[in-house]
Amino acid sequence: MKKWITSVVVCFLFMFASPFYNEALAKVLWDGMELKKGQIGKATIIKPTELYKLNGTTKKVVRKLNPGEVYRIYTFLPGKLGLGGGYFIDRDNRVKYQTPSKEKLQALGVKIIKRTYKDTFDYPQVTGLISKSAQDKINETLAKHVRASYNAYMELERTEQEHRGQYSGDFPESMLDYEYKMSYEVKYNENNLLSILIYDYMYTGGAHGMSTVTAYNFNVLTGQRLYLSDVAKSQSALNKIKKYAITDLTNRANRGEAIFTEELSGIEINSQRPFYFTANGIVIKFYEYEVAPYAAGMPEVKVPYSVFK
């Protein structure tokens, strides 16, 4: 049963190629200025103007701003532009106000909403993407997972009922209380890259249940799903990641962590290895019991881009 559900979780993987992982290294730049989350525009001072705070309708001037200075704008009121922290300038001919493109704003992160499938499992969906096609691709990939998880949950419900009929009285009642759960984490959402981890957990009796993880990494400009081989584009690069992971896990074992050091040489680092993006690299994940005991969960290794680029 456990092998079956693991295959269900991963059976709908499909491969795309993309060069966009390099963007995770870069800040979102707009005409030489770093675009910040929450920023809606920028103001270039054309003529001297006052920077002030508002107390009701009363202005408290803080200082003069000089021509050529550029400021991020985070909000606006009628006739006023907000620089953050309660500071404002007047929106008039002394100021040139500009807004970033939709592409630049999307690079700061996409909006993710929570949906519920058949009143059973919560799952993520993206909304407001520039490309409707990309949005549909991403959402269908994530929806396909929750549909598979729900089908596995229903199959486990049927199996539980069968086993209760067959083994009632042979085992403690609690061992026949089977359980299936699905959850998710958004791990990265910047630079037009999105990383979401979906966990499936199943208990079918015994000391504990088992979990598996599926990593969904997307280029949100196209909707393409990215695999580790799209990031580490050669066998040499994958080998460097493996070597780095073995060294990291060995060092952790030497510091007293429970790591199966004798198993490390046999780990596989390939396109199917779960990973997620960070600002400076990736994090690869290992399954339960793969490199450590159950109590260690799913160990992670952070791998900087400099290791394999």
C-alpha atoms as a PDB file:
ATOM      1  CA  MET A   1       0.000   0.000   0.000  1.00  0.00           C
ATOM      2  CA  LYS A   2       2.824   2.425   0.894  1.00  0.00           C
ATOM      3  CA  LYS A   3       4.608   1.754  -2.384  1.00  0.00           C
ATOM      4  CA  TRP A   4       1.342   2.288  -4.241  1.00  0.00           C
ATOM      5  CA  ILE A   5       0.652   5.663  -2.666  1.00  0.00           C
ATOM      6  CA  THR A   6       4.196   6.854  -3.300  1.00  0.00           C
ATOM      7  CA  SER A   7       3.732   6.063  -6.983  1.00  0.00           C
ATOM      8  CA  VAL A   8       0.412   7.917  -7.016  1.00  0.00           C
ATOM      9  CA  VAL A   9       2.042  11.030  -5.596  1.00  0.00           C
ATOM     10  CA  VAL A  10       4.794  11.134  -8.205  1.00  0.00           C
ATOM     11  CA  CYS A  11       3.078   9.598 -11.235  1.00  0.00           C
ATOM     12  CA  PHE A  12       2.119  12.930 -12.764  1.00  0.00           C
ATOM     13  CA  LEU A  13       5.560  14.501 -12.918  1.00  0.00           C
ATOM     14  CA  PHE A  14       6.440  16.036 -16.291  1.00  0.00           C
ATOM     15  CA  MET A  15       9.673  17.584 -17.535  1.00  0.00           C
ATOM     16  CA  PHE A  16      10.386  21.095 -18.800  1.00  0.00           C
ATOM     17  CA  ALA A  17      13.678  22.848 -19.474  1.00  0.00           C
ATOM     18  CA  SER A  18      14.323  26.418 -18.338  1.00  0.00           C
ATOM     19  CA  PRO A  19      17.277  28.751 -17.818  1.00  0.00           C
ATOM     20  CA  PHE A  20      15.477  30.903 -15.276  1.00  0.00           C
ATOM     21  CA  TYR A  21      17.161  29.599 -12.134  1.00  0.00           C
ATOM     22  CA  ASN A  22      19.857  32.263 -12.633  1.00  0.00           C
ATOM     23  CA  GLU A  23      17.283  34.918 -11.748  1.00  0.00           C
ATOM     24  CA  ALA A  24      17.235  33.703  -8.155  1.00  0.00           C
ATOM     25  CA  LEU A  25      20.701  35.177  -7.772  1.00  0.00           C
ATOM     26  CA  ALA A  26      19.643  38.650  -8.877  1.00  0.00           C
ATOM     27  CA  LYS A  27      17.735  41.447  -7.234  1.00  0.00           C
ATOM     28  CA  VAL A  28      14.738  42.827  -9.091  1.00  0.00           C
ATOM     29  CA  LEU A  29      16.153  45.960 -10.697  1.00  0.00           C
ATOM     30  CA  TRP A  30      14.136  48.759 -12.246  1.00  0.00           C
ATOM     31  CA  ASP A  31      16.183  51.389 -14.106  1.00  0.00           C
ATOM     32  CA  GLY A  32      19.103  50.703 -11.777  1.00  0.00           C
ATOM     33  CA  MET A  33      17.008  50.810  -8.589  1.00  0.00           C
ATOM     34  CA  GLU A  34      16.209  47.698  -6.581  1.00  0.00           C
ATOM     35  CA  LEU A  35      12.458  47.130  -6.568  1.00  0.00           C
ATOM     36  CA  LYS A  36      11.181  46.313  -3.086  1.00  0.00           C
ATOM     37  CA  LYS A  37       8.122  44.343  -2.016  1.00  0.00           C
ATOM     38  CA  GLY A  38       5.213  46.676  -1.438  1.00  0.00           C
ATOM     39  CA  GLN A  39       6.664  49.329  -3.741  1.00  0.00           C
ATOM     40  CA  ILE A  40       4.181  50.673  -6.273  1.00  0.00           C
ATOM     41  CA  GLY A  41       6.319  53.273  -8.026  1.00  0.00           C
ATOM     42  CA  LYS A  42       9.116  55.793  -7.777  1.00  0.00           C
ATOM     43  CA  ALA A  43       9.290  59.563  -7.656  1.00  0.00           C
ATOM     44  CA  THR A  44      12.068  61.596  -9.259  1.00  0.00           C
ATOM     45  CA  ILE A  45      12.355  65.109  -7.862  1.00  0.00           C
ATOM     46  CA  ILE A  46      12.210  67.702 -10.679  1.00  0.00           C
ATOM     47  CA  LYS A  47      12.033  70.873  -8.573  1.00  0.00           C
ATOM     48  CA  PRO A  48      12.699  71.342  -4.841  1.00  0.00           C
ATOM     49  CA  THR A  49       9.775  69.973  -2.832  1.00  0.00           C
ATOM     50  CA  GLU A  50       8.915  69.309   0.796  1.00  0.00           C
ATOM     51  CA  LEU A  51       9.042  65.963   2.541  1.00  0.00           C
ATOM     52  CA  TYR A  52       6.469  65.977   5.306  1.00  0.00           C
ATOM     53  CA  LYS A  53       4.433  63.947   7.740  1.00  0.00           C
ATOM     54  CA  LEU A  54       0.685  64.231   8.094  1.00  0.00           C
ATOM     55  CA  ASN A  55      -1.115  64.852  11.362  1.00  0.00           C
ATOM     56  CA  GLY A  56      -4.719  64.767  10.242  1.00  0.00           C
ATOM     57  CA  THR A  57      -4.749  67.427   7.546  1.00  0.00           C
ATOM     58  CA  THR A  58      -1.745  69.285   8.985  1.00  0.00           C
ATOM     59  CA  LYS A  59       1.607  68.931   7.263  1.00  0.00           C
ATOM     60  CA  LYS A  60       4.790  68.790   9.322  1.00  0.00           C
ATOM     61  CA  VAL A  61       7.653  69.528   6.937  1.00  0.00           C
ATOM     62  CA  VAL A  62      10.734  67.426   7.644  1.00  0.00           C
ATOM     63  CA  ARG A  63      13.123  68.722   4.984  1.00  0.00           C
ATOM     64  CA  LYS A  64      13.502  69.781   1.379  1.00  0.00           C
ATOM     65  CA  LEU A  65      14.121  67.227  -1.351  1.00  0.00           C
ATOM     66  CA  ASN A  66      16.413  68.256  -4.183  1.00  0.00           C
ATOM     67  CA  PRO A  67      16.171  67.827  -7.962  1.00  0.00           C
ATOM     68  CA  GLY A  68      17.584  64.523  -9.209  1.00  0.00           C
ATOM     69  CA  GLU A  69      16.823  62.564  -6.041  1.00  0.00           C
ATOM     70  CA  VAL A  70      14.774  59.397  -6.515  1.00  0.00           C
ATOM     71  CA  TYR A  71      12.513  57.797  -3.897  1.00  0.00           C
ATOM     72  CA  ARG A  72      10.489  54.615  -3.684  1.00  0.00           C
ATOM     73  CA  ILE A  73       6.734  55.097  -3.435  1.00  0.00           C
ATOM     74  CA  TYR A  74       4.666  52.646  -1.398  1.00  0.00           C
ATOM     75  CA  THR A  75       1.250  54.287  -1.240  1.00  0.00           C
ATOM     76  CA  PHE A  76      -0.682  57.317  -2.360  1.00  0.00           C
ATOM     77  CA  LEU A  77      -3.430  59.602  -1.156  1.00  0.00           C
ATOM     78  CA  PRO A  78      -5.276  62.107  -3.331  1.00  0.00           C
ATOM     79  CA  GLY A  79      -2.564  64.474  -4.539  1.00  0.00           C
ATOM     80  CA  LYS A  80       0.093  62.843  -2.354  1.00  0.00           C
ATOM     81  CA  LEU A  81       2.712  60.104  -2.720  1.00  0.00           C
ATOM     82  CA  GLY A  82       3.766  58.005   0.278  1.00  0.00           C
ATOM     83  CA  LEU A  83       7.448  57.191   0.778  1.00  0.00           C
ATOM     84  CA  GLY A  84       6.785  54.834   3.698  1.00  0.00           C
ATOM     85  CA  GLY A  85       7.069  55.450   7.411  1.00  0.00           C
ATOM     86  CA  GLY A  86       4.314  58.061   7.257  1.00  0.00           C
ATOM     87  CA  TYR A  87       6.289  60.397   4.970  1.00  0.00           C
ATOM     88  CA  PHE A  88       4.684  62.078   1.947  1.00  0.00           C
ATOM     89  CA  ILE A  89       5.397  64.442  -0.913  1.00  0.00           C
ATOM     90  CA  ASP A  90       2.903  66.308  -3.064  1.00  0.00           C
ATOM     91  CA  ARG A  91       2.146  64.798  -6.456  1.00  0.00           C
ATOM     92  CA  ASP A  92       2.514  67.816  -8.720  1.00  0.00           C
ATOM     93  CA  ASN A  93       4.771  69.207 -11.430  1.00  0.00           C
ATOM     94  CA  ARG A  94       7.719  69.221  -9.041  1.00  0.00           C
ATOM     95  CA  VAL A  95       7.782  65.418  -9.153  1.00  0.00           C
ATOM     96  CA  LYS A  96       7.941  62.813 -11.919  1.00  0.00           C
ATOM     97  CA  TYR A  97       6.026  59.729 -10.818  1.00  0.00           C
ATOM     98  CA  GLN A  98       6.532  56.365 -12.569  1.00  0.00           C
ATOM     99  CA  THR A  99       5.166  52.860 -12.012  1.00  0.00           C
ATOM    100  CA  PRO A 100       6.986  49.570 -12.766  1.00  0.00           C
ATOM    101  CA  SER A 101       5.847  47.145 -15.427  1.00  0.00           C
ATOM    102  CA  LYS A 102       3.650  44.199 -14.578  1.00  0.00           C
ATOM    103  CA  GLU A 103       6.632  41.929 -15.250  1.00  0.00           C
ATOM    104  CA  LYS A 104       8.715  43.746 -12.638  1.00  0.00           C
ATOM    105  CA  LEU A 105       5.943  43.644 -10.050  1.00  0.00           C
ATOM    106  CA  GLN A 106       5.354  39.940 -10.655  1.00  0.00           C
ATOM    107  CA  ALA A 107       9.048  39.288 -10.056  1.00  0.00           C
ATOM    108  CA  LEU A 108       8.539  40.425  -6.450  1.00  0.00           C
ATOM    109  CA  GLY A 109       6.273  37.434  -5.866  1.00  0.00           C
ATOM    110  CA  VAL A 110       2.969  36.053  -7.106  1.00  0.00           C
ATOM    111  CA  LYS A 111      -0.261  35.888  -5.146  1.00  0.00           C
ATOM    112  CA  ILE A 112      -1.077  32.448  -3.765  1.00  0.00           C
ATOM    113  CA  ILE A 113      -4.525  31.542  -2.504  1.00  0.00           C
ATOM    114  CA  LYS A 114      -5.687  28.502  -0.559  1.00  0.00           C
ATOM    115  CA  ARG A 115      -8.351  26.247  -2.033  1.00  0.00           C
ATOM    116  CA  THR A 116     -10.032  23.228  -0.457  1.00  0.00           C
ATOM    117  CA  TYR A 117     -10.690  20.078  -2.437  1.00  0.00           C
ATOM    118  CA  LYS A 118     -13.948  18.296  -1.559  1.00  0.00           C
ATOM    119  CA  ASP A 119     -13.855  19.666   1.999  1.00  0.00           C
ATOM    120  CA  THR A 120     -10.826  17.449   2.665  1.00  0.00           C
ATOM    121  CA  PHE A 121      -7.451  18.848   1.596  1.00  0.00           C
ATOM    122  CA  ASP A 122      -6.182  22.408   1.313  1.00  0.00           C
ATOM    123  CA  TYR A 123      -3.997  23.114  -1.711  1.00  0.00           C
ATOM    124  CA  PRO A 124      -2.394  26.213  -3.297  1.00  0.00           C
ATOM    125  CA  GLN A 125      -3.346  28.060  -6.456  1.00  0.00           C
ATOM    126  CA  VAL A 126      -1.743  31.125  -8.035  1.00  0.00           C
ATOM    127  CA  THR A 127      -3.729  34.112  -9.217  1.00  0.00           C
ATOM    128  CA  GLY A 128      -3.169  37.380 -11.041  1.00  0.00           C
ATOM    129  CA  LEU A 129      -0.282  36.200 -13.219  1.00  0.00           C
ATOM    130  CA  ILE A 130       0.559  38.173 -16.315  1.00  0.00           C
ATOM    131  CA  SER A 131       0.216  35.066 -18.455  1.00  0.00           C
ATOM    132  CA  LYS A 132      -3.121  33.286 -18.170  1.00  0.00           C
ATOM    133  CA  SER A 133      -1.548  30.275 -19.878  1.00  0.00           C
ATOM    134  CA  ALA A 134       1.252  30.110 -17.287  1.00  0.00           C
ATOM    135  CA  GLN A 135      -1.264  30.490 -14.469  1.00  0.00           C
ATOM    136  CA  ASP A 136      -3.417  27.666 -15.842  1.00  0.00           C
ATOM    137  CA  LYS A 137      -0.393  25.362 -16.224  1.00  0.00           C
ATOM    138  CA  ILE A 138       0.748  25.913 -12.646  1.00  0.00           C
ATOM    139  CA  ASN A 139      -2.723  25.571 -11.178  1.00  0.00           C
ATOM    140  CA  GLU A 140      -3.504  22.391 -13.087  1.00  0.00           C
ATOM    141  CA  THR A 141      -0.235  20.798 -11.961  1.00  0.00           C
ATOM    142  CA  LEU A 142      -1.026  21.569  -8.325  1.00  0.00           C
ATOM    143  CA  ALA A 143      -4.667  20.548  -8.706  1.00  0.00           C
ATOM    144  CA  LYS A 144      -3.615  17.247 -10.240  1.00  0.00           C
ATOM    145  CA  HIS A 145      -1.662  16.480  -7.090  1.00  0.00           C
ATOM    146  CA  VAL A 146      -4.569  17.141  -4.761  1.00  0.00           C
ATOM    147  CA  ARG A 147      -6.860  15.016  -6.920  1.00  0.00           C
ATOM    148  CA  ALA A 148      -4.381  12.132  -6.702  1.00  0.00           C
ATOM    149  CA  SER A 149      -4.065  12.615  -2.950  1.00  0.00           C
ATOM    150  CA  TYR A 150      -7.826  12.588  -2.539  1.00  0.00           C
ATOM    151  CA  ASN A 151      -8.127   9.390  -4.575  1.00  0.00           C
ATOM    152  CA  ALA A 152      -5.442   7.809  -2.400  1.00  0.00           C
ATOM    153  CA  TYR A 153      -7.307   8.961   0.700  1.00  0.00           C
ATOM    154  CA  MET A 154     -10.548   7.380  -0.525  1.00  0.00           C
ATOM    155  CA  GLU A 155      -8.751   4.140  -1.382  1.00  0.00           C
ATOM    156  CA  LEU A 156      -7.270   4.060   2.110  1.00  0.00           C
ATOM    157  CA  GLU A 157     -10.750   4.583   3.583  1.00  0.00           C
ATOM    158  CA  ARG A 158     -11.998   1.560   1.647  1.00  0.00           C
ATOM    159  CA  THR A 159      -8.983  -0.489   2.727  1.00  0.00           C
ATOM    160  CA  GLU A 160      -9.570   0.444   6.361  1.00  0.00           C
ATOM    161  CA  GLN A 161     -13.144  -0.768   6.199  1.00  0.00           C
ATOM    162  CA  GLU A 162     -12.065  -4.033   4.613  1.00  0.00           C
ATOM    163  CA  HIS A 163      -9.397  -4.607   7.246  1.00  0.00           C
ATOM    164  CA  ARG A 164     -11.816  -3.828  10.064  1.00  0.00           C
ATOM    165  CA  GLY A 165     -14.054  -6.573   8.740  1.00  0.00           C
ATOM    166  CA  GLN A 166     -11.185  -9.017   8.363  1.00  0.00           C
ATOM    167  CA  TYR A 167      -9.065  -8.319  11.440  1.00  0.00           C
ATOM    168  CA  SER A 168     -11.438  -6.905  14.060  1.00  0.00           C
ATOM    169  CA  GLY A 169     -10.417  -8.472  17.358  1.00  0.00           C
ATOM    170  CA  ASP A 170      -7.012  -9.551  16.071  1.00  0.00           C
ATOM    171  CA  PHE A 171      -5.378  -6.142  16.503  1.00  0.00           C
ATOM    172  CA  PRO A 172      -5.868  -3.172  18.859  1.00  0.00           C
ATOM    173  CA  GLU A 173      -8.592  -0.895  17.502  1.00  0.00           C
ATOM    174  CA  SER A 174      -6.156   2.007  17.195  1.00  0.00           C
ATOM    175  CA  MET A 175      -4.042   0.050  14.696  1.00  0.00           C
ATOM    176  CA  LEU A 176      -6.984   0.006  12.312  1.00  0.00           C
ATOM    177  CA  ASP A 177      -7.505   3.762  12.500  1.00  0.00           C
ATOM    178  CA  TYR A 178      -5.862   4.495   9.163  1.00  0.00           C
ATOM    179  CA  GLU A 179      -5.081   8.094   8.283  1.00  0.00           C
ATOM    180  CA  TYR A 180      -4.187  10.133   5.222  1.00  0.00           C
ATOM    181  CA  LYS A 181      -3.127  13.798   5.275  1.00  0.00           C
ATOM    182  CA  MET A 182      -1.899  16.282   2.704  1.00  0.00           C
ATOM    183  CA  SER A 183      -0.247  19.635   3.444  1.00  0.00           C
ATOM    184  CA  TYR A 184       1.903  22.175   1.630  1.00  0.00           C
ATOM    185  CA  GLU A 185       4.560  24.842   2.176  1.00  0.00           C
ATOM    186  CA  VAL A 186       5.454  27.797  -0.032  1.00  0.00           C
ATOM    187  CA  LYS A 187       9.250  27.900   0.196  1.00  0.00           C
ATOM    188  CA  TYR A 188      10.236  30.523  -2.401  1.00  0.00           C
ATOM    189  CA  ASN A 189       8.291  33.158  -4.299  1.00  0.00           C
ATOM    190  CA  GLU A 190      10.589  35.703  -5.924  1.00  0.00           C
ATOM    191  CA  ASN A 191      12.291  36.580  -9.212  1.00  0.00           C
ATOM    192  CA  ASN A 192       9.569  34.806 -11.212  1.00  0.00           C
ATOM    193  CA  LEU A 193      10.423  31.522  -9.503  1.00  0.00           C
ATOM    194  CA  LEU A 194       8.009  29.655  -7.250  1.00  0.00           C
ATOM    195  CA  SER A 195       8.785  26.679  -5.006  1.00  0.00           C
ATOM    196  CA  ILE A 196       6.024  24.729  -3.270  1.00  0.00           C
ATOM    197  CA  LEU A 197       6.460  21.492  -1.318  1.00  0.00           C
ATOM    198  CA  ILE A 198       3.487  19.156  -0.947  1.00  0.00           C
ATOM    199  CA  TYR A 199       3.575  16.490   1.751  1.00  0.00           C
ATOM    200  CA  ASP A 200       1.481  13.330   1.765  1.00  0.00           C
ATOM    201  CA  TYR A 201       1.261  11.331   4.999  1.00  0.00           C
ATOM    202  CA  MET A 202      -0.283   7.902   5.426  1.00  0.00           C
ATOM    203  CA  TYR A 203      -0.765   5.725   8.508  1.00  0.00           C
ATOM    204  CA  THR A 204      -1.773   2.081   8.035  1.00  0.00           C
ATOM    205  CA  GLY A 205      -1.028   0.699  11.483  1.00  0.00           C
ATOM    206  CA  GLY A 206       2.251   0.072  13.248  1.00  0.00           C
ATOM    207  CA  ALA A 207       4.468   2.426  15.185  1.00  0.00           C
ATOM    208  CA  HIS A 208       4.010   5.433  12.926  1.00  0.00           C
ATOM    209  CA  GLY A 209       2.926   6.603   9.520  1.00  0.00           C
ATOM    210  CA  MET A 210       5.102   7.544   6.566  1.00  0.00           C
ATOM    211  CA  SER A 211       5.392  10.793   4.653  1.00  0.00           C
ATOM    212  CA  THR A 212       6.585  11.635   1.186  1.00  0.00           C
ATOM    213  CA  VAL A 213       7.331  15.037  -0.331  1.00  0.00           C
ATOM    214  CA  THR A 214       6.837  16.313  -3.859  1.00  0.00           C
ATOM    215  CA  ALA A 215       8.635  19.493  -4.900  1.00  0.00           C
ATOM    216  CA  TYR A 216       6.954  21.817  -7.367  1.00  0.00           C
ATOM    217  CA  ASN A 217       9.250  24.480  -8.790  1.00  0.00           C
ATOM    218  CA  PHE A 218       7.907  26.786 -11.492  1.00  0.00           C
ATOM    219  CA  ASN A 219       8.997  29.516 -13.838  1.00  0.00           C
ATOM    220  CA  VAL A 220       5.941  31.742 -13.355  1.00  0.00           C
ATOM    221  CA  LEU A 221       6.507  33.581 -16.636  1.00  0.00           C
ATOM    222  CA  THR A 222       5.830  30.422 -18.640  1.00  0.00           C
ATOM    223  CA  GLY A 223       4.274  27.993 -16.162  1.00  0.00           C
ATOM    224  CA  GLN A 224       7.040  25.488 -16.805  1.00  0.00           C
ATOM    225  CA  ARG A 225       7.838  23.093 -14.000  1.00  0.00           C
ATOM    226  CA  LEU A 226      11.545  22.990 -13.175  1.00  0.00           C
ATOM    227  CA  TYR A 227      13.448  19.909 -12.083  1.00  0.00           C
ATOM    228  CA  LEU A 228      16.890  19.624 -10.556  1.00  0.00           C
ATOM    229  CA  SER A 229      18.365  18.806 -13.968  1.00  0.00           C
ATOM    230  CA  ASP A 230      17.039  22.166 -15.215  1.00  0.00           C
ATOM    231  CA  VAL A 231      19.099  23.887 -12.532  1.00  0.00           C
ATOM    232  CA  ALA A 232      22.187  21.656 -12.535  1.00  0.00           C
ATOM    233  CA  LYS A 233      22.364  21.165 -16.272  1.00  0.00           C
ATOM    234  CA  SER A 234      25.032  18.468 -16.530  1.00  0.00           C
ATOM    235  CA  GLN A 235      25.971  15.225 -14.852  1.00  0.00           C
ATOM    236  CA  SER A 236      29.089  16.962 -13.587  1.00  0.00           C
ATOM    237  CA  ALA A 237      26.951  19.584 -11.835  1.00  0.00           C
ATOM    238  CA  LEU A 238      24.744  16.892 -10.294  1.00  0.00           C
ATOM    239  CA  ASN A 239      27.852  15.062  -9.091  1.00  0.00           C
ATOM    240  CA  LYS A 240      29.098  18.253  -7.425  1.00  0.00           C
ATOM    241  CA  ILE A 241      25.791  18.575  -5.586  1.00  0.00           C
ATOM    242  CA  LYS A 242      26.048  14.954  -4.440  1.00  0.00           C
ATOM    243  CA  LYS A 243      29.605  15.434  -3.213  1.00  0.00           C
ATOM    244  CA  TYR A 244      28.611  18.598  -1.368  1.00  0.00           C
ATOM    245  CA  ALA A 245      25.611  16.876   0.243  1.00  0.00           C
ATOM    246  CA  ILE A 246      27.703  13.907   1.374  1.00  0.00           C
ATOM    247  CA  THR A 247      30.274  16.229   2.932  1.00  0.00           C
ATOM    248  CA  ASP A 248      27.588  18.286   4.670  1.00  0.00           C
ATOM    249  CA  LEU A 249      25.794  15.233   6.083  1.00  0.00           C
ATOM    250  CA  THR A 250      29.073  13.625   7.159  1.00  0.00           C
ATOM    251  CA  ASN A 251      30.066  16.785   9.018  1.00  0.00           C
ATOM    252  CA  ARG A 252      26.683  16.803  10.735  1.00  0.00           C
ATOM    253  CA  ALA A 253      27.178  13.195  11.780  1.00  0.00           C
ATOM    254  CA  ASN A 254      30.569  14.119  13.210  1.00  0.00           C
ATOM    255  CA  ARG A 255      28.821  16.817  15.255  1.00  0.00           C
ATOM    256  CA  GLY A 256      26.507  14.224  16.750  1.00  0.00           C
ATOM    257  CA  GLU A 257      23.507  14.229  14.424  1.00  0.00           C
ATOM    258  CA  ALA A 258      21.910  10.875  13.673  1.00  0.00           C
ATOM    259  CA  ILE A 259      22.966  10.320  10.064  1.00  0.00           C
ATOM    260  CA  PHE A 260      23.298   6.991   8.250  1.00  0.00           C
ATOM    261  CA  THR A 261      26.847   7.678   7.076  1.00  0.00           C
ATOM    262  CA  GLU A 262      27.180   4.199   5.587  1.00  0.00           C
ATOM    263  CA  GLU A 263      24.296   4.991   3.209  1.00  0.00           C
ATOM    264  CA  LEU A 264      25.585   8.317   1.907  1.00  0.00           C
ATOM    265  CA  SER A 265      27.655   7.021  -1.004  1.00  0.00           C
ATOM    266  CA  GLY A 266      24.528   5.445  -2.494  1.00  0.00           C
ATOM    267  CA  ILE A 267      22.283   8.519  -2.500  1.00  0.00           C
ATOM    268  CA  GLU A 268      20.922   9.533  -5.885  1.00  0.00           C
ATOM    269  CA  ILE A 269      21.033  13.134  -7.047  1.00  0.00           C
ATOM    270  CA  ASN A 270      19.091  13.313 -10.288  1.00  0.00           C
ATOM    271  CA  SER A 271      16.212  15.155 -11.908  1.00  0.00           C
ATOM    272  CA  GLN A 272      13.701  13.619  -9.494  1.00  0.00           C
ATOM    273  CA  ARG A 273      15.452  14.794  -6.319  1.00  0.00           C
ATOM    274  CA  PRO A 274      13.092  17.139  -4.412  1.00  0.00           C
ATOM    275  CA  PHE A 275      14.493  20.651  -4.040  1.00  0.00           C
ATOM    276  CA  TYR A 276      13.436  24.250  -3.656  1.00  0.00           C
ATOM    277  CA  PHE A 277      14.966  27.600  -4.491  1.00  0.00           C
ATOM    278  CA  THR A 278      16.534  30.085  -2.093  1.00  0.00           C
ATOM    279  CA  ALA A 279      17.947  33.551  -2.762  1.00  0.00           C
ATOM    280  CA  ASN A 280      21.473  32.172  -3.199  1.00  0.00           C
ATOM    281  CA  GLY A 281      21.030  28.564  -4.211  1.00  0.00           C
ATOM    282  CA  ILE A 282      18.844  25.539  -3.664  1.00  0.00           C
ATOM    283  CA  VAL A 283      17.893  23.190  -0.846  1.00  0.00           C
ATOM    284  CA  ILE A 284      17.710  19.483  -1.597  1.00  0.00           C
ATOM    285  CA  LYS A 285      15.538  17.209   0.513  1.00  0.00           C
ATOM    286  CA  PHE A 286      15.897  13.574   1.508  1.00  0.00           C
ATOM    287  CA  TYR A 287      13.056  11.223   2.342  1.00  0.00           C
ATOM    288  CA  GLU A 288      12.350   9.629   5.689  1.00  0.00           C
ATOM    289  CA  TYR A 289      14.837   6.848   6.483  1.00  0.00           C
ATOM    290  CA  GLU A 290      16.910   7.703   3.398  1.00  0.00           C
ATOM    291  CA  VAL A 291      19.875   9.232   5.222  1.00  0.00           C
ATOM    292  CA  ALA A 292      18.675   9.424   8.827  1.00  0.00           C
ATOM    293  CA  PRO A 293      16.269   7.721  11.263  1.00  0.00           C
ATOM    294  CA  TYR A 294      12.557   8.477  11.283  1.00  0.00           C
ATOM    295  CA  ALA A 295      12.895  10.963  14.147  1.00  0.00           C
ATOM    296  CA  ALA A 296      15.073  13.169  11.929  1.00  0.00           C
ATOM    297  CA  GLY A 297      12.201  13.685   9.489  1.00  0.00           C
ATOM    298  CA  MET A 298      13.266  14.714   5.997  1.00  0.00           C
ATOM    299  CA  PRO A 299      16.800  16.135   6.224  1.00  0.00           C
ATOM    300  CA  GLU A 300      17.743  19.093   4.033  1.00  0.00           C
ATOM    301  CA  VAL A 301      21.038  20.283   2.601  1.00  0.00           C
ATOM    302  CA  LYS A 302      21.491  23.884   1.475  1.00  0.00           C
ATOM    303  CA  VAL A 303      23.585  24.066  -1.694  1.00  0.00           C
ATOM    304  CA  PRO A 304      24.879  27.462  -2.884  1.00  0.00           C
ATOM    305  CA  TYR A 305      24.848  28.089  -6.634  1.00  0.00           C
ATOM    306  CA  SER A 306      28.624  28.530  -6.459  1.00  0.00           C
ATOM    307  CA  VAL A 307      28.956  24.799  -5.777  1.00  0.00           C
ATOM    308  CA  PHE A 308      27.698  23.661  -9.168  1.00  0.00           C
ATOM    309  CA  LYS A 309      27.477  26.608 -11.565  1.00  0.00           C
END
